[in-house]
Amino acid sequence: NLGFRLLYYITIEELEEIKYYLIKNLYKGFIESSQAPFIILILFIYKANRYLYLYIDFWNLN
C-alpha cells in the first residue's frame, strides 16, 4: 500500500483545484474511484493570464 504522501506542500488554491478536478470528472464519468496502488504526477502551472492550470501525467497509467 503506497498510501497518501505529498512530495511537497501545496497551497489551498492548488488543493481546491485538485478537488474541483476530481468532483467534475467523477460526475462526468471520466474517472472512477479506485483502491489501486498507482501514483500519477500532478503539476500546477501559472499561465501568463495568472490562472492556475492543473496538468496530470497519465502516461504511466496507459
PDB file of N, CA and C in Angstrom:
ATOM      1  N   ASN A   1       0.842  -1.177   0.000  1.00  0.00           N
ATOM      2  CA  ASN A   1       0.000   0.000   0.000  1.00  0.00           C
ATOM      3  C   ASN A   1       0.890   1.243   0.000  1.00  0.00           C
ATOM      4  N   LEU A   2       0.747   2.063  -1.007  1.00  0.00           N
ATOM      5  CA  LEU A   2       1.564   3.262  -1.128  1.00  0.00           C
ATOM      6  C   LEU A   2       1.086   4.390  -0.231  1.00  0.00           C
ATOM      7  N   GLY A   3      -0.192   4.379   0.116  1.00  0.00           N
ATOM      8  CA  GLY A   3      -0.714   5.421   0.982  1.00  0.00           C
ATOM      9  C   GLY A   3      -0.749   6.774   0.295  1.00  0.00           C
ATOM     10  N   PHE A   4      -0.959   7.802   1.092  1.00  0.00           N
ATOM     11  CA  PHE A   4      -1.026   9.163   0.568  1.00  0.00           C
ATOM     12  C   PHE A   4       0.136   9.945   1.132  1.00  0.00           C
ATOM     13  N   ARG A   5       0.956  10.458   0.247  1.00  0.00           N
ATOM     14  CA  ARG A   5       2.088  11.276   0.677  1.00  0.00           C
ATOM     15  C   ARG A   5       2.250  12.449  -0.263  1.00  0.00           C
ATOM     16  N   LEU A   6       2.567  13.580   0.292  1.00  0.00           N
ATOM     17  CA  LEU A   6       2.868  14.757  -0.511  1.00  0.00           C
ATOM     18  C   LEU A   6       4.362  14.805  -0.770  1.00  0.00           C
ATOM     19  N   LEU A   7       4.729  15.038  -2.020  1.00  0.00           N
ATOM     20  CA  LEU A   7       6.136  15.241  -2.332  1.00  0.00           C
ATOM     21  C   LEU A   7       6.569  16.641  -1.924  1.00  0.00           C
ATOM     22  N   TYR A   8       5.609  17.546  -1.902  1.00  0.00           N
ATOM     23  CA  TYR A   8       5.859  18.914  -1.488  1.00  0.00           C
ATOM     24  C   TYR A   8       4.552  19.479  -0.954  1.00  0.00           C
ATOM     25  N   TYR A   9       4.629  20.520  -0.191  1.00  0.00           N
ATOM     26  CA  TYR A   9       3.421  21.133   0.340  1.00  0.00           C
ATOM     27  C   TYR A   9       2.715  21.922  -0.753  1.00  0.00           C
ATOM     28  N   ILE A  10       1.393  21.856  -0.744  1.00  0.00           N
ATOM     29  CA  ILE A  10       0.611  22.564  -1.751  1.00  0.00           C
ATOM     30  C   ILE A  10      -0.206  23.661  -1.079  1.00  0.00           C
ATOM     31  N   THR A  11      -0.552  24.645  -1.855  1.00  0.00           N
ATOM     32  CA  THR A  11      -1.334  25.765  -1.339  1.00  0.00           C
ATOM     33  C   THR A  11      -2.812  25.386  -1.293  1.00  0.00           C
ATOM     34  N   ILE A  12      -3.596  26.183  -0.608  1.00  0.00           N
ATOM     35  CA  ILE A  12      -5.043  25.981  -0.554  1.00  0.00           C
ATOM     36  C   ILE A  12      -5.627  26.069  -1.963  1.00  0.00           C
ATOM     37  N   GLU A  13      -5.134  27.007  -2.756  1.00  0.00           N
ATOM     38  CA  GLU A  13      -5.618  27.169  -4.130  1.00  0.00           C
ATOM     39  C   GLU A  13      -5.360  25.908  -4.958  1.00  0.00           C
ATOM     40  N   GLU A  14      -4.190  25.296  -4.795  1.00  0.00           N
ATOM     41  CA  GLU A  14      -3.869  24.066  -5.521  1.00  0.00           C
ATOM     42  C   GLU A  14      -4.749  22.916  -5.045  1.00  0.00           C
ATOM     43  N   LEU A  15      -4.959  22.822  -3.753  1.00  0.00           N
ATOM     44  CA  LEU A  15      -5.817  21.780  -3.195  1.00  0.00           C
ATOM     45  C   LEU A  15      -7.251  21.924  -3.688  1.00  0.00           C
ATOM     46  N   GLU A  16      -7.753  23.141  -3.751  1.00  0.00           N
ATOM     47  CA  GLU A  16      -9.103  23.383  -4.264  1.00  0.00           C
ATOM     48  C   GLU A  16      -9.202  23.018  -5.741  1.00  0.00           C
ATOM     49  N   GLU A  17      -8.149  23.267  -6.504  1.00  0.00           N
ATOM     50  CA  GLU A  17      -8.139  22.924  -7.928  1.00  0.00           C
ATOM     51  C   GLU A  17      -8.183  21.408  -8.125  1.00  0.00           C
ATOM     52  N   ILE A  18      -7.453  20.657  -7.302  1.00  0.00           N
ATOM     53  CA  ILE A  18      -7.498  19.192  -7.366  1.00  0.00           C
ATOM     54  C   ILE A  18      -8.894  18.700  -7.015  1.00  0.00           C
ATOM     55  N   LYS A  19      -9.480  19.249  -5.956  1.00  0.00           N
ATOM     56  CA  LYS A  19     -10.826  18.856  -5.537  1.00  0.00           C
ATOM     57  C   LYS A  19     -11.833  19.126  -6.647  1.00  0.00           C
ATOM     58  N   TYR A  20     -11.757  20.298  -7.276  1.00  0.00           N
ATOM     59  CA  TYR A  20     -12.655  20.648  -8.377  1.00  0.00           C
ATOM     60  C   TYR A  20     -12.486  19.672  -9.540  1.00  0.00           C
ATOM     61  N   TYR A  21     -11.250  19.364  -9.894  1.00  0.00           N
ATOM     62  CA  TYR A  21     -10.973  18.432 -10.992  1.00  0.00           C
ATOM     63  C   TYR A  21     -11.583  17.058 -10.700  1.00  0.00           C
ATOM     64  N   LEU A  22     -11.370  16.550  -9.484  1.00  0.00           N
ATOM     65  CA  LEU A  22     -11.877  15.225  -9.133  1.00  0.00           C
ATOM     66  C   LEU A  22     -13.402  15.179  -9.138  1.00  0.00           C
ATOM     67  N   ILE A  23     -14.043  16.154  -8.525  1.00  0.00           N
ATOM     68  CA  ILE A  23     -15.508  16.176  -8.477  1.00  0.00           C
ATOM     69  C   ILE A  23     -16.098  16.268  -9.876  1.00  0.00           C
ATOM     70  N   LYS A  24     -15.562  17.176 -10.691  1.00  0.00           N
ATOM     71  CA  LYS A  24     -16.067  17.376 -12.054  1.00  0.00           C
ATOM     72  C   LYS A  24     -15.920  16.108 -12.891  1.00  0.00           C
ATOM     73  N   ASN A  25     -14.772  15.463 -12.830  1.00  0.00           N
ATOM     74  CA  ASN A  25     -14.525  14.308 -13.680  1.00  0.00           C
ATOM     75  C   ASN A  25     -15.144  13.021 -13.144  1.00  0.00           C
ATOM     76  N   LEU A  26     -15.333  12.909 -11.841  1.00  0.00           N
ATOM     77  CA  LEU A  26     -16.093  11.785 -11.292  1.00  0.00           C
ATOM     78  C   LEU A  26     -17.550  11.880 -11.731  1.00  0.00           C
ATOM     79  N   TYR A  27     -18.116  13.084 -11.666  1.00  0.00           N
ATOM     80  CA  TYR A  27     -19.506  13.309 -12.066  1.00  0.00           C
ATOM     81  C   TYR A  27     -19.716  12.982 -13.541  1.00  0.00           C
ATOM     82  N   LYS A  28     -18.770  13.375 -14.394  1.00  0.00           N
ATOM     83  CA  LYS A  28     -18.886  13.120 -15.833  1.00  0.00           C
ATOM     84  C   LYS A  28     -18.599  11.666 -16.195  1.00  0.00           C
ATOM     85  N   GLY A  29     -18.020  10.903 -15.269  1.00  0.00           N
ATOM     86  CA  GLY A  29     -17.695   9.510 -15.539  1.00  0.00           C
ATOM     87  C   GLY A  29     -16.359   9.321 -16.240  1.00  0.00           C
ATOM     88  N   PHE A  30     -15.553  10.377 -16.324  1.00  0.00           N
ATOM     89  CA  PHE A  30     -14.247  10.280 -16.974  1.00  0.00           C
ATOM     90  C   PHE A  30     -13.242   9.520 -16.115  1.00  0.00           C
ATOM     91  N   ILE A  31     -13.421   9.586 -14.803  1.00  0.00           N
ATOM     92  CA  ILE A  31     -12.558   8.857 -13.877  1.00  0.00           C
ATOM     93  C   ILE A  31     -13.444   8.098 -12.899  1.00  0.00           C
ATOM     94  N   GLU A  32     -12.878   7.073 -12.253  1.00  0.00           N
ATOM     95  CA  GLU A  32     -13.598   6.268 -11.273  1.00  0.00           C
ATOM     96  C   GLU A  32     -12.781   6.185  -9.997  1.00  0.00           C
ATOM     97  N   SER A  33     -13.479   6.023  -8.900  1.00  0.00           N
ATOM     98  CA  SER A  33     -12.817   5.807  -7.628  1.00  0.00           C
ATOM     99  C   SER A  33     -12.152   4.436  -7.655  1.00  0.00           C
ATOM    100  N   SER A  34     -10.957   4.336  -7.085  1.00  0.00           N
ATOM    101  CA  SER A  34     -10.213   3.082  -7.122  1.00  0.00           C
ATOM    102  C   SER A  34      -9.309   2.972  -5.904  1.00  0.00           C
ATOM    103  N   GLN A  35      -9.015   1.746  -5.523  1.00  0.00           N
ATOM    104  CA  GLN A  35      -8.061   1.480  -4.449  1.00  0.00           C
ATOM    105  C   GLN A  35      -6.737   0.973  -5.016  1.00  0.00           C
ATOM    106  N   ALA A  36      -6.567   1.051  -6.336  1.00  0.00           N
ATOM    107  CA  ALA A  36      -5.349   0.578  -6.991  1.00  0.00           C
ATOM    108  C   ALA A  36      -4.142   1.404  -6.529  1.00  0.00           C
ATOM    109  N   PRO A  37      -3.009   0.746  -6.324  1.00  0.00           N
ATOM    110  CA  PRO A  37      -1.816   1.440  -5.816  1.00  0.00           C
ATOM    111  C   PRO A  37      -1.000   2.118  -6.917  1.00  0.00           C
ATOM    112  N   PHE A  38      -1.572   3.114  -7.566  1.00  0.00           N
ATOM    113  CA  PHE A  38      -0.867   3.835  -8.617  1.00  0.00           C
ATOM    114  C   PHE A  38      -0.606   5.266  -8.179  1.00  0.00           C
ATOM    115  N   ILE A  39       0.456   5.811  -8.696  1.00  0.00           N
ATOM    116  CA  ILE A  39       0.805   7.202  -8.427  1.00  0.00           C
ATOM    117  C   ILE A  39       0.870   7.932  -9.753  1.00  0.00           C
ATOM    118  N   ILE A  40       0.315   9.142  -9.798  1.00  0.00           N
ATOM    119  CA  ILE A  40       0.416   9.956 -11.006  1.00  0.00           C
ATOM    120  C   ILE A  40       1.046  11.297 -10.650  1.00  0.00           C
ATOM    121  N   LEU A  41       1.645  11.893 -11.635  1.00  0.00           N
ATOM    122  CA  LEU A  41       2.288  13.184 -11.455  1.00  0.00           C
ATOM    123  C   LEU A  41       1.279  14.298 -11.698  1.00  0.00           C
ATOM    124  N   ILE A  42       1.165  15.210 -10.744  1.00  0.00           N
ATOM    125  CA  ILE A  42       0.290  16.376 -10.875  1.00  0.00           C
ATOM    126  C   ILE A  42       1.162  17.619 -10.791  1.00  0.00           C
ATOM    127  N   LEU A  43       1.038  18.479 -11.790  1.00  0.00           N
ATOM    128  CA  LEU A  43       1.793  19.726 -11.824  1.00  0.00           C
ATOM    129  C   LEU A  43       0.839  20.909 -11.871  1.00  0.00           C
ATOM    130  N   PHE A  44       1.231  21.987 -11.243  1.00  0.00           N
ATOM    131  CA  PHE A  44       0.475  23.232 -11.301  1.00  0.00           C
ATOM    132  C   PHE A  44       1.330  24.275 -11.994  1.00  0.00           C
ATOM    133  N   ILE A  45       0.735  24.955 -12.962  1.00  0.00           N
ATOM    134  CA  ILE A  45       1.431  25.982 -13.725  1.00  0.00           C
ATOM    135  C   ILE A  45       0.596  27.254 -13.688  1.00  0.00           C
ATOM    136  N   TYR A  46       1.236  28.362 -13.387  1.00  0.00           N
ATOM    137  CA  TYR A  46       0.570  29.658 -13.506  1.00  0.00           C
ATOM    138  C   TYR A  46       0.857  30.197 -14.897  1.00  0.00           C
ATOM    139  N   LYS A  47      -0.187  30.376 -15.683  1.00  0.00           N
ATOM    140  CA  LYS A  47      -0.048  30.888 -17.042  1.00  0.00           C
ATOM    141  C   LYS A  47       0.081  32.413 -17.021  1.00  0.00           C
ATOM    142  N   ALA A  48       0.353  32.985 -18.178  1.00  0.00           N
ATOM    143  CA  ALA A  48       0.560  34.433 -18.298  1.00  0.00           C
ATOM    144  C   ALA A  48      -0.654  35.230 -17.834  1.00  0.00           C
ATOM    145  N   ASN A  49      -1.847  34.633 -17.970  1.00  0.00           N
ATOM    146  CA  ASN A  49      -3.066  35.319 -17.538  1.00  0.00           C
ATOM    147  C   ASN A  49      -3.304  35.184 -16.031  1.00  0.00           C
ATOM    148  N   ARG A  50      -2.326  34.630 -15.316  1.00  0.00           N
ATOM    149  CA  ARG A  50      -2.352  34.485 -13.858  1.00  0.00           C
ATOM    150  C   ARG A  50      -3.301  33.404 -13.358  1.00  0.00           C
ATOM    151  N   TYR A  51      -3.852  32.595 -14.262  1.00  0.00           N
ATOM    152  CA  TYR A  51      -4.709  31.499 -13.838  1.00  0.00           C
ATOM    153  C   TYR A  51      -3.870  30.262 -13.555  1.00  0.00           C
ATOM    154  N   LEU A  52      -4.303  29.494 -12.588  1.00  0.00           N
ATOM    155  CA  LEU A  52      -3.628  28.263 -12.216  1.00  0.00           C
ATOM    156  C   LEU A  52      -4.146  27.133 -13.093  1.00  0.00           C
ATOM    157  N   TYR A  53      -3.251  26.407 -13.729  1.00  0.00           N
ATOM    158  CA  TYR A  53      -3.625  25.271 -14.562  1.00  0.00           C
ATOM    159  C   TYR A  53      -3.104  23.996 -13.930  1.00  0.00           C
ATOM    160  N   LEU A  54      -3.933  22.977 -13.968  1.00  0.00           N
ATOM    161  CA  LEU A  54      -3.609  21.676 -13.412  1.00  0.00           C
ATOM    162  C   LEU A  54      -3.248  20.747 -14.560  1.00  0.00           C
ATOM    163  N   TYR A  55      -2.079  20.146 -14.497  1.00  0.00           N
ATOM    164  CA  TYR A  55      -1.650  19.177 -15.502  1.00  0.00           C
ATOM    165  C   TYR A  55      -1.442  17.838 -14.820  1.00  0.00           C
ATOM    166  N   ILE A  56      -2.006  16.785 -15.410  1.00  0.00           N
ATOM    167  CA  ILE A  56      -1.871  15.439 -14.868  1.00  0.00           C
ATOM    168  C   ILE A  56      -1.227  14.565 -15.929  1.00  0.00           C
ATOM    169  N   ASP A  57      -0.167  13.849 -15.545  1.00  0.00           N
ATOM    170  CA  ASP A  57       0.551  12.972 -16.457  1.00  0.00           C
ATOM    171  C   ASP A  57      -0.002  11.553 -16.310  1.00  0.00           C
ATOM    172  N   PHE A  58      -0.837  11.141 -17.272  1.00  0.00           N
ATOM    173  CA  PHE A  58      -1.436   9.809 -17.245  1.00  0.00           C
ATOM    174  C   PHE A  58      -0.592   8.783 -17.989  1.00  0.00           C
ATOM    175  N   TRP A  59       0.589   9.164 -18.449  1.00  0.00           N
ATOM    176  CA  TRP A  59       1.397   8.308 -19.303  1.00  0.00           C
ATOM    177  C   TRP A  59       1.651   6.942 -18.665  1.00  0.00           C
ATOM    178  N   ASN A  60       1.992   6.890 -17.388  1.00  0.00           N
ATOM    179  CA  ASN A  60       2.287   5.616 -16.724  1.00  0.00           C
ATOM    180  C   ASN A  60       1.054   4.734 -16.552  1.00  0.00           C
ATOM    181  N   LEU A  61      -0.132   5.306 -16.600  1.00  0.00           N
ATOM    182  CA  LEU A  61      -1.356   4.522 -16.433  1.00  0.00           C
ATOM    183  C   LEU A  61      -1.832   3.895 -17.737  1.00  0.00           C
ATOM    184  N   ASN A  62      -1.414   4.442 -18.864  1.00  0.00           N
ATOM    185  CA  ASN A  62      -1.894   3.950 -20.165  1.00  0.00           C
ATOM    186  C   ASN A  62      -1.085   2.803 -20.689  1.00  0.00           C
TER     187      ASN A  62
END
